[in-house]
C-alpha atoms as a PDB file:
ATOM      1  CA  MET A   1     -19.574 -20.072  10.570  1.00  0.00           C
ATOM      2  CA  THR A   2     -21.689 -20.182  13.953  1.00  0.00           C
ATOM      3  CA  THR A   3     -24.937 -22.097  14.272  1.00  0.00           C
ATOM      4  CA  LYS A   4     -27.716 -21.361  16.352  1.00  0.00           C
ATOM      5  CA  ASP A   5     -26.449 -24.355  18.895  1.00  0.00           C
ATOM      6  CA  ASP A   6     -23.054 -22.368  18.637  1.00  0.00           C
ATOM      7  CA  THR A   7     -20.919 -24.956  16.773  1.00  0.00           C
ATOM      8  CA  VAL A   8     -18.741 -24.197  14.115  1.00  0.00           C
ATOM      9  CA  SER A   9     -16.943 -25.643  11.083  1.00  0.00           C
ATOM     10  CA  PHE A  10     -13.760 -27.604  11.129  1.00  0.00           C
ATOM     11  CA  GLY A  11     -13.346 -28.203   8.064  1.00  0.00           C
ATOM     12  CA  PHE A  12     -16.153 -29.979   6.574  1.00  0.00           C
ATOM     13  CA  ARG A  13     -17.089 -31.192  10.192  1.00  0.00           C
ATOM     14  CA  ASP A  14     -19.108 -28.749  12.598  1.00  0.00           C
ATOM     15  CA  VAL A  15     -17.518 -28.981  16.157  1.00  0.00           C
ATOM     16  CA  PRO A  16     -17.863 -27.108  19.479  1.00  0.00           C
ATOM     17  CA  ALA A  17     -17.011 -23.730  19.036  1.00  0.00           C
ATOM     18  CA  ALA A  18     -15.077 -23.749  22.451  1.00  0.00           C
ATOM     19  CA  ASP A  19     -13.058 -26.660  20.902  1.00  0.00           C
ATOM     20  CA  LYS A  20     -12.013 -25.087  17.386  1.00  0.00           C
ATOM     21  CA  ALA A  21      -9.019 -22.789  18.347  1.00  0.00           C
ATOM     22  CA  ARG A  22      -7.524 -25.949  20.235  1.00  0.00           C
ATOM     23  CA  LEU A  23      -8.078 -27.918  16.815  1.00  0.00           C
ATOM     24  CA  VAL A  24      -6.731 -25.041  15.006  1.00  0.00           C
ATOM     25  CA  ARG A  25      -3.708 -24.832  17.161  1.00  0.00           C
ATOM     26  CA  GLY A  26      -3.091 -28.612  16.498  1.00  0.00           C
ATOM     27  CA  VAL A  27      -2.927 -28.066  12.821  1.00  0.00           C
ATOM     28  CA  PHE A  28      -0.528 -25.217  12.703  1.00  0.00           C
ATOM     29  CA  ASP A  29       1.654 -26.611  15.397  1.00  0.00           C
ATOM     30  CA  SER A  30       2.107 -29.204  13.121  1.00  0.00           C
ATOM     31  CA  VAL A  31       2.727 -27.150   9.871  1.00  0.00           C
ATOM     32  CA  ALA A  32       4.747 -24.444  11.366  1.00  0.00           C
ATOM     33  CA  SER A  33       7.703 -25.601  10.665  1.00  0.00           C
ATOM     34  CA  LYS A  34       6.942 -26.264   6.892  1.00  0.00           C
ATOM     35  CA  TYR A  35       4.522 -23.536   6.260  1.00  0.00           C
ATOM     36  CA  ASP A  36       6.171 -21.436   3.152  1.00  0.00           C
ATOM     37  CA  LEU A  37       5.967 -25.223   2.005  1.00  0.00           C
ATOM     38  CA  MET A  38       2.370 -25.361   2.988  1.00  0.00           C
ATOM     39  CA  ASN A  39       1.344 -22.398   1.049  1.00  0.00           C
ATOM     40  CA  ASP A  40       3.637 -23.482  -1.956  1.00  0.00           C
ATOM     41  CA  LEU A  41       1.288 -26.530  -2.140  1.00  0.00           C
ATOM     42  CA  MET A  42      -1.900 -24.952  -1.603  1.00  0.00           C
ATOM     43  CA  SER A  43      -1.135 -21.646  -3.996  1.00  0.00           C
ATOM     44  CA  GLY A  44       0.413 -23.320  -6.652  1.00  0.00           C
ATOM     45  CA  PHE A  45       3.665 -21.714  -5.577  1.00  0.00           C
ATOM     46  CA  ILE A  46       2.375 -18.150  -5.973  1.00  0.00           C
ATOM     47  CA  HIS A  47       1.090 -16.630  -2.552  1.00  0.00           C
ATOM     48  CA  ARG A  48       4.673 -15.051  -2.549  1.00  0.00           C
ATOM     49  CA  LEU A  49       2.925 -12.634  -5.607  1.00  0.00           C
ATOM     50  CA  TRP A  50      -0.099 -12.402  -3.695  1.00  0.00           C
ATOM     51  CA  LYS A  51       1.350 -11.384  -0.538  1.00  0.00           C
ATOM     52  CA  ASP A  52       3.417  -8.809  -2.773  1.00  0.00           C
ATOM     53  CA  ALA A  53       0.176  -7.674  -3.926  1.00  0.00           C
ATOM     54  CA  MET A  54      -1.125  -7.217  -0.787  1.00  0.00           C
ATOM     55  CA  VAL A  55       1.334  -4.750   0.862  1.00  0.00           C
ATOM     56  CA  HIS A  56       1.758  -2.859  -2.671  1.00  0.00           C
ATOM     57  CA  TRP A  57      -2.134  -2.105  -2.295  1.00  0.00           C
ATOM     58  CA  LEU A  58      -1.866  -1.023   1.421  1.00  0.00           C
ATOM     59  CA  ASP A  59       1.329   1.137   0.602  1.00  0.00           C
ATOM     60  CA  PRO A  60       2.811   1.835   3.822  1.00  0.00           C
ATOM     61  CA  GLN A  61       3.852   4.493   5.099  1.00  0.00           C
ATOM     62  CA  PRO A  62       6.266   5.722   7.661  1.00  0.00           C
ATOM     63  CA  GLY A  63       5.006   6.868  11.037  1.00  0.00           C
ATOM     64  CA  MET A  64       2.075   4.394  10.304  1.00  0.00           C
ATOM     65  CA  ALA A  65       1.357   1.902  13.489  1.00  0.00           C
ATOM     66  CA  PHE A  66       0.442  -1.616  11.750  1.00  0.00           C
ATOM     67  CA  ALA A  67      -1.071  -4.737  12.961  1.00  0.00           C
ATOM     68  CA  ASP A  68      -0.749  -7.860  11.303  1.00  0.00           C
ATOM     69  CA  ILE A  69      -2.795 -10.550  12.704  1.00  0.00           C
ATOM     70  CA  GLY A  70      -2.145 -14.655  12.324  1.00  0.00           C
ATOM     71  CA  GLY A  71       1.199 -13.315  10.631  1.00  0.00           C
ATOM     72  CA  GLY A  72       3.460 -15.228  13.084  1.00  0.00           C
ATOM     73  CA  THR A  73       6.118 -16.357  10.500  1.00  0.00           C
ATOM     74  CA  GLY A  74       6.505 -12.856   9.576  1.00  0.00           C
ATOM     75  CA  ASP A  75       5.597 -12.930   5.816  1.00  0.00           C
ATOM     76  CA  ILE A  76       3.573  -9.425   5.710  1.00  0.00           C
ATOM     77  CA  ALA A  77       5.308  -7.720   8.351  1.00  0.00           C
ATOM     78  CA  PHE A  78       8.881  -8.364   6.425  1.00  0.00           C
ATOM     79  CA  ARG A  79       7.435  -7.024   3.143  1.00  0.00           C
ATOM     80  CA  ILE A  80       6.236  -4.075   4.894  1.00  0.00           C
ATOM     81  CA  LEU A  81       9.353  -3.395   6.449  1.00  0.00           C
ATOM     82  CA  ASP A  82      10.946  -4.027   2.984  1.00  0.00           C
ATOM     83  CA  ARG A  83       8.222  -1.534   1.112  1.00  0.00           C
ATOM     84  CA  LEU A  84       8.995   1.174   3.813  1.00  0.00           C
ATOM     85  CA  GLY A  85      12.963   0.372   3.158  1.00  0.00           C
ATOM     86  CA  ALA A  86      14.613   3.950   3.435  1.00  0.00           C
ATOM     87  CA  LYS A  87      11.652   6.168   3.369  1.00  0.00           C
ATOM     88  CA  GLY A  88      11.584   5.427   7.363  1.00  0.00           C
ATOM     89  CA  ALA A  89      10.226   3.028  10.458  1.00  0.00           C
ATOM     90  CA  PRO A  90       7.066   2.461  11.640  1.00  0.00           C
ATOM     91  CA  ALA A  91       5.409   3.847  14.594  1.00  0.00           C
ATOM     92  CA  THR A  92       4.802   0.548  15.354  1.00  0.00           C
ATOM     93  CA  LEU A  93       4.816  -3.009  14.359  1.00  0.00           C
ATOM     94  CA  ASN A  94       2.865  -5.785  15.859  1.00  0.00           C
ATOM     95  CA  VAL A  95       2.486  -9.427  14.783  1.00  0.00           C
ATOM     96  CA  ILE A  96       0.013 -10.876  16.942  1.00  0.00           C
ATOM     97  CA  ASP A  97      -0.991 -15.052  16.479  1.00  0.00           C
ATOM     98  CA  ILE A  98      -2.313 -17.278  18.819  1.00  0.00           C
ATOM     99  CA  ASN A  99       0.157 -20.074  17.767  1.00  0.00           C
ATOM    100  CA  ALA A 100       3.224 -19.904  19.573  1.00  0.00           C
ATOM    101  CA  GLU A 101       5.016 -22.042  16.973  1.00  0.00           C
ATOM    102  CA  MET A 102       4.137 -19.984  14.499  1.00  0.00           C
ATOM    103  CA  LEU A 103       5.654 -16.799  16.407  1.00  0.00           C
ATOM    104  CA  LYS A 104       8.652 -19.213  16.832  1.00  0.00           C
ATOM    105  CA  ALA A 105       9.441 -19.617  13.262  1.00  0.00           C
ATOM    106  CA  GLY A 106       8.725 -15.631  12.364  1.00  0.00           C
ATOM    107  CA  ARG A 107      11.283 -14.899  15.190  1.00  0.00           C
ATOM    108  CA  GLY A 108      13.865 -17.338  13.630  1.00  0.00           C
ATOM    109  CA  ARG A 109      14.071 -15.436  10.374  1.00  0.00           C
ATOM    110  CA  ILE A 110      14.948 -12.123  11.909  1.00  0.00           C
ATOM    111  CA  GLY A 111      18.804 -12.687  11.661  1.00  0.00           C
ATOM    112  CA  ALA A 112      20.900  -9.719  11.840  1.00  0.00           C
ATOM    113  CA  ASP A 113      18.182  -7.134  10.724  1.00  0.00           C
ATOM    114  CA  ALA A 114      17.770  -4.273  12.851  1.00  0.00           C
ATOM    115  CA  ALA A 115      14.188  -3.627  11.735  1.00  0.00           C
ATOM    116  CA  ARG A 116      13.171  -7.160  11.872  1.00  0.00           C
ATOM    117  CA  ALA A 117      14.549  -7.237  15.147  1.00  0.00           C
ATOM    118  CA  ALA A 118      12.039  -4.046  16.744  1.00  0.00           C
ATOM    119  CA  ILE A 119       9.031  -5.993  15.362  1.00  0.00           C
ATOM    120  CA  ASN A 120       6.427  -6.679  18.505  1.00  0.00           C
ATOM    121  CA  TRP A 121       5.741 -10.699  18.495  1.00  0.00           C
ATOM    122  CA  VAL A 122       2.596 -11.390  20.456  1.00  0.00           C
ATOM    123  CA  CYS A 123       0.918 -14.312  21.262  1.00  0.00           C
ATOM    124  CA  GLY A 124      -2.735 -13.099  20.877  1.00  0.00           C
ATOM    125  CA  ASP A 125      -6.150 -14.000  19.576  1.00  0.00           C
ATOM    126  CA  ALA A 126      -7.620 -12.375  16.419  1.00  0.00           C
ATOM    127  CA  GLU A 127     -11.273 -12.020  18.224  1.00  0.00           C
ATOM    128  CA  ARG A 128      -9.705 -10.631  21.887  1.00  0.00           C
ATOM    129  CA  LEU A 129      -6.577  -8.618  20.304  1.00  0.00           C
ATOM    130  CA  PRO A 130      -4.287  -7.077  22.860  1.00  0.00           C
ATOM    131  CA  LEU A 131      -4.425  -3.575  21.743  1.00  0.00           C
ATOM    132  CA  PRO A 132      -5.999  -0.448  22.447  1.00  0.00           C
ATOM    133  CA  ASP A 133      -9.017   0.977  21.090  1.00  0.00           C
ATOM    134  CA  ARG A 134      -7.896   3.001  17.960  1.00  0.00           C
ATOM    135  CA  SER A 135      -4.506   2.358  18.280  1.00  0.00           C
ATOM    136  CA  VAL A 136      -2.914   1.123  14.589  1.00  0.00           C
ATOM    137  CA  ASP A 137      -3.402   2.804  11.057  1.00  0.00           C
ATOM    138  CA  ALA A 138      -3.447  -0.074   9.358  1.00  0.00           C
ATOM    139  CA  TYR A 139      -4.873  -4.004  10.329  1.00  0.00           C
ATOM    140  CA  THR A 140      -3.554  -6.716   7.815  1.00  0.00           C
ATOM    141  CA  ILE A 141      -4.582 -10.348   8.196  1.00  0.00           C
ATOM    142  CA  ALA A 142      -3.278 -12.826   5.642  1.00  0.00           C
ATOM    143  CA  PHE A 143      -4.717 -16.568   5.339  1.00  0.00           C
ATOM    144  CA  CYS A 144      -5.754 -16.652   9.001  1.00  0.00           C
ATOM    145  CA  ILE A 145      -9.546 -15.250   9.093  1.00  0.00           C
ATOM    146  CA  ARG A 146     -10.634 -18.563   8.156  1.00  0.00           C
ATOM    147  CA  ASN A 147      -9.263 -20.540  10.698  1.00  0.00           C
ATOM    148  CA  VAL A 148     -10.690 -18.042  13.351  1.00  0.00           C
ATOM    149  CA  THR A 149     -13.558 -19.101  15.409  1.00  0.00           C
ATOM    150  CA  HIS A 150     -15.810 -16.549  15.263  1.00  0.00           C
ATOM    151  CA  ILE A 151     -15.118 -14.413  11.798  1.00  0.00           C
ATOM    152  CA  ALA A 152     -17.994 -11.705  12.805  1.00  0.00           C
ATOM    153  CA  GLN A 153     -15.835 -11.216  16.273  1.00  0.00           C
ATOM    154  CA  ALA A 154     -12.495 -10.833  14.619  1.00  0.00           C
ATOM    155  CA  LEU A 155     -14.109  -8.479  12.036  1.00  0.00           C
ATOM    156  CA  ALA A 156     -15.417  -6.277  15.162  1.00  0.00           C
ATOM    157  CA  GLU A 157     -12.066  -6.414  17.159  1.00  0.00           C
ATOM    158  CA  ALA A 158     -10.511  -4.953  13.570  1.00  0.00           C
ATOM    159  CA  ARG A 159     -12.678  -2.146  13.776  1.00  0.00           C
ATOM    160  CA  ARG A 160     -11.869  -1.553  17.485  1.00  0.00           C
ATOM    161  CA  VAL A 161      -8.460  -1.463  16.956  1.00  0.00           C
ATOM    162  CA  LEU A 162      -8.157   0.823  13.983  1.00  0.00           C
ATOM    163  CA  LYS A 163      -8.245   4.713  14.375  1.00  0.00           C
ATOM    164  CA  PRO A 164     -10.554   6.476  12.311  1.00  0.00           C
ATOM    165  CA  GLY A 165      -9.294   6.647   8.409  1.00  0.00           C
ATOM    166  CA  GLY A 166      -7.353   3.575   9.426  1.00  0.00           C
ATOM    167  CA  ARG A 167      -7.207   0.445   6.752  1.00  0.00           C
ATOM    168  CA  PHE A 168      -8.458  -2.986   6.789  1.00  0.00           C
ATOM    169  CA  LEU A 169      -6.764  -5.387   4.178  1.00  0.00           C
ATOM    170  CA  CYS A 170      -7.370  -9.046   4.007  1.00  0.00           C
ATOM    171  CA  LEU A 171      -5.729 -11.809   2.293  1.00  0.00           C
ATOM    172  CA  GLU A 172      -7.355 -15.054   2.002  1.00  0.00           C
ATOM    173  CA  PHE A 173      -8.101 -17.889  -0.348  1.00  0.00           C
ATOM    174  CA  SER A 174     -11.478 -17.397  -1.890  1.00  0.00           C
ATOM    175  CA  ARG A 175     -13.701 -18.937  -4.783  1.00  0.00           C
ATOM    176  CA  VAL A 176     -12.130 -19.316  -8.312  1.00  0.00           C
ATOM    177  CA  ASN A 177     -14.543 -17.821 -10.928  1.00  0.00           C
ATOM    178  CA  VAL A 178     -12.808 -18.342 -13.760  1.00  0.00           C
ATOM    179  CA  PRO A 179     -14.265 -21.876 -16.196  1.00  0.00           C
ATOM    180  CA  VAL A 180     -11.734 -24.519 -16.574  1.00  0.00           C
ATOM    181  CA  LEU A 181      -9.896 -23.079 -13.878  1.00  0.00           C
ATOM    182  CA  ASP A 182     -12.055 -23.715 -11.013  1.00  0.00           C
ATOM    183  CA  ASP A 183     -12.583 -27.387 -12.042  1.00  0.00           C
ATOM    184  CA  LEU A 184      -8.745 -28.054 -12.095  1.00  0.00           C
ATOM    185  CA  TYR A 185      -8.382 -26.221  -8.866  1.00  0.00           C
ATOM    186  CA  GLU A 186     -10.940 -28.382  -7.296  1.00  0.00           C
ATOM    187  CA  MET A 187      -9.126 -31.405  -8.301  1.00  0.00           C
ATOM    188  CA  TRP A 188      -5.810 -30.263  -6.956  1.00  0.00           C
ATOM    189  CA  SER A 189      -7.242 -29.194  -3.814  1.00  0.00           C
ATOM    190  CA  MET A 190      -9.372 -31.982  -2.673  1.00  0.00           C
ATOM    191  CA  GLN A 191      -7.495 -34.803  -4.733  1.00  0.00           C
ATOM    192  CA  VAL A 192      -4.009 -34.419  -4.975  1.00  0.00           C
ATOM    193  CA  LEU A 193      -3.004 -31.598  -2.322  1.00  0.00           C
ATOM    194  CA  PRO A 194      -3.506 -34.004   0.904  1.00  0.00           C
ATOM    195  CA  GLU A 195      -1.822 -36.670  -0.583  1.00  0.00           C
ATOM    196  CA  ILE A 196       1.207 -34.454  -1.636  1.00  0.00           C
ATOM    197  CA  GLY A 197       0.736 -33.417   1.947  1.00  0.00           C
ATOM    198  CA  ALA A 198       0.814 -37.047   3.611  1.00  0.00           C
ATOM    199  CA  ARG A 199       3.891 -37.769   1.259  1.00  0.00           C
ATOM    200  CA  VAL A 200       6.144 -34.459   1.955  1.00  0.00           C
ATOM    201  CA  THR A 201       5.208 -33.849   5.468  1.00  0.00           C
ATOM    202  CA  GLY A 202       3.908 -37.181   6.783  1.00  0.00           C
ATOM    203  CA  ASP A 203       0.468 -34.628   7.532  1.00  0.00           C
ATOM    204  CA  ARG A 204      -2.490 -35.417   5.492  1.00  0.00           C
ATOM    205  CA  ASP A 205      -5.407 -34.310   8.037  1.00  0.00           C
ATOM    206  CA  SER A 206      -4.025 -30.865   8.475  1.00  0.00           C
ATOM    207  CA  TYR A 207      -3.723 -30.386   4.659  1.00  0.00           C
ATOM    208  CA  ARG A 208      -7.472 -31.972   4.376  1.00  0.00           C
ATOM    209  CA  TYR A 209      -8.255 -29.448   7.227  1.00  0.00           C
ATOM    210  CA  LEU A 210      -6.542 -26.324   5.424  1.00  0.00           C
ATOM    211  CA  VAL A 211      -8.546 -27.339   2.110  1.00  0.00           C
ATOM    212  CA  GLU A 212     -11.837 -28.135   3.328  1.00  0.00           C
ATOM    213  CA  SER A 213     -11.558 -24.451   5.700  1.00  0.00           C
ATOM    214  CA  ILE A 214     -11.542 -22.770   2.342  1.00  0.00           C
ATOM    215  CA  ARG A 215     -14.553 -24.578   0.675  1.00  0.00           C
ATOM    216  CA  ARG A 216     -16.574 -23.775   4.223  1.00  0.00           C
ATOM    217  CA  PHE A 217     -15.505 -20.110   3.946  1.00  0.00           C
ATOM    218  CA  PRO A 218     -17.853 -17.101   2.425  1.00  0.00           C
ATOM    219  CA  ASP A 219     -17.390 -16.640  -0.772  1.00  0.00           C
ATOM    220  CA  GLN A 220     -16.363 -12.891  -2.089  1.00  0.00           C
ATOM    221  CA  LYS A 221     -19.466 -11.185  -1.997  1.00  0.00           C
ATOM    222  CA  LYS A 222     -20.160 -12.960   1.327  1.00  0.00           C
ATOM    223  CA  PHE A 223     -17.543 -12.109   2.894  1.00  0.00           C
ATOM    224  CA  ALA A 224     -17.563  -8.498   1.660  1.00  0.00           C
ATOM    225  CA  ALA A 225     -20.878  -8.213   3.094  1.00  0.00           C
ATOM    226  CA  MET A 226     -19.497  -9.209   6.527  1.00  0.00           C
ATOM    227  CA  ILE A 227     -16.808  -6.564   6.825  1.00  0.00           C
ATOM    228  CA  ALA A 228     -19.589  -4.116   6.250  1.00  0.00           C
ATOM    229  CA  ASP A 229     -21.579  -5.506   8.387  1.00  0.00           C
ATOM    230  CA  ALA A 230     -18.457  -5.227  11.437  1.00  0.00           C
ATOM    231  CA  GLY A 231     -18.904  -1.190  10.415  1.00  0.00           C
ATOM    232  CA  LEU A 232     -15.786  -0.840   8.107  1.00  0.00           C
ATOM    233  CA  SER A 233     -16.593   1.271   4.856  1.00  0.00           C
ATOM    234  CA  GLN A 234     -15.805   1.537   1.265  1.00  0.00           C
ATOM    235  CA  VAL A 235     -15.243  -2.237   0.901  1.00  0.00           C
ATOM    236  CA  LYS A 236     -13.610  -3.147  -2.102  1.00  0.00           C
ATOM    237  CA  VAL A 237     -12.848  -6.585  -3.302  1.00  0.00           C
ATOM    238  CA  ARG A 238      -9.818  -7.792  -5.810  1.00  0.00           C
ATOM    239  CA  ASP A 239      -9.420 -11.197  -7.251  1.00  0.00           C
ATOM    240  CA  LEU A 240      -6.015 -12.755  -7.728  1.00  0.00           C
ATOM    241  CA  SER A 241      -5.427 -15.728 -10.131  1.00  0.00           C
ATOM    242  CA  GLY A 242      -8.928 -16.090 -10.853  1.00  0.00           C
ATOM    243  CA  GLY A 243     -10.681 -15.989  -7.719  1.00  0.00           C
ATOM    244  CA  ILE A 244      -7.968 -19.081  -5.985  1.00  0.00           C
ATOM    245  CA  ALA A 245      -7.514 -15.620  -3.710  1.00  0.00           C
ATOM    246  CA  ALA A 246      -9.119 -12.465  -2.886  1.00  0.00           C
ATOM    247  CA  LEU A 247      -8.233  -9.385  -0.946  1.00  0.00           C
ATOM    248  CA  HIS A 248     -10.476  -7.356   0.809  1.00  0.00           C
ATOM    249  CA  SER A 249     -10.133  -3.542   1.675  1.00  0.00           C
ATOM    250  CA  ALA A 250     -11.994  -1.800   3.984  1.00  0.00           C
ATOM    251  CA  TRP A 251     -11.776   1.512   5.866  1.00  0.00           C
ATOM    252  CA  ARG A 252     -12.774   2.491   9.242  1.00  0.00           C
ATOM    253  CA  ILE A 253     -14.576   5.700   8.607  1.00  0.00           C
END
């Protein structure tokens, strides 16, 4: 969150806003090659189910234009294509990520799949999307928005690029709201996860940042209010796994 002197959170530290993108880029440069493992560790191995739930709620249709933000590894884009299946192709499917290493990881998963080969892989900033106004039917963002420098600006960009009647859908770690589970997840994420990250990947600091960034991110209710403040309508929230993660849905009316 931005403070009056234009510092922002980077984990539990406050840093100059101008430095955050570089610091976050360093984290994801470090974890890009082990991104699936990272999400397995952070979610207790169920992030794949959450992403399936996200795309199920999105209900993509042939001929729609999609923008998946911060989705460099292709997890959401590939699920959109799988759900469309034989029904038809999207008009466009843009995967936009500020981190070139994450995009490299996604492109490396294309293989011989013609539908995946048609994805537009773009290195771009969530706060300054390289897309025209009112150009997409659906904007998706998974496990990314807590890492942007100015969340409100990223939400404003989401509204700008959405067509009237377009859908915003965000998947992000959130606040656990189930007794006992909240204490267990707190212990797992704050004490165990950084140590596992250090042993498995040799990178304790990146995993510590990722956990701390979850703690600094607004809870479900506050984030829903930010989405509404950005001019999006009909905001709805679905908790996943007791609030370990949450889906936020909204529309540009």
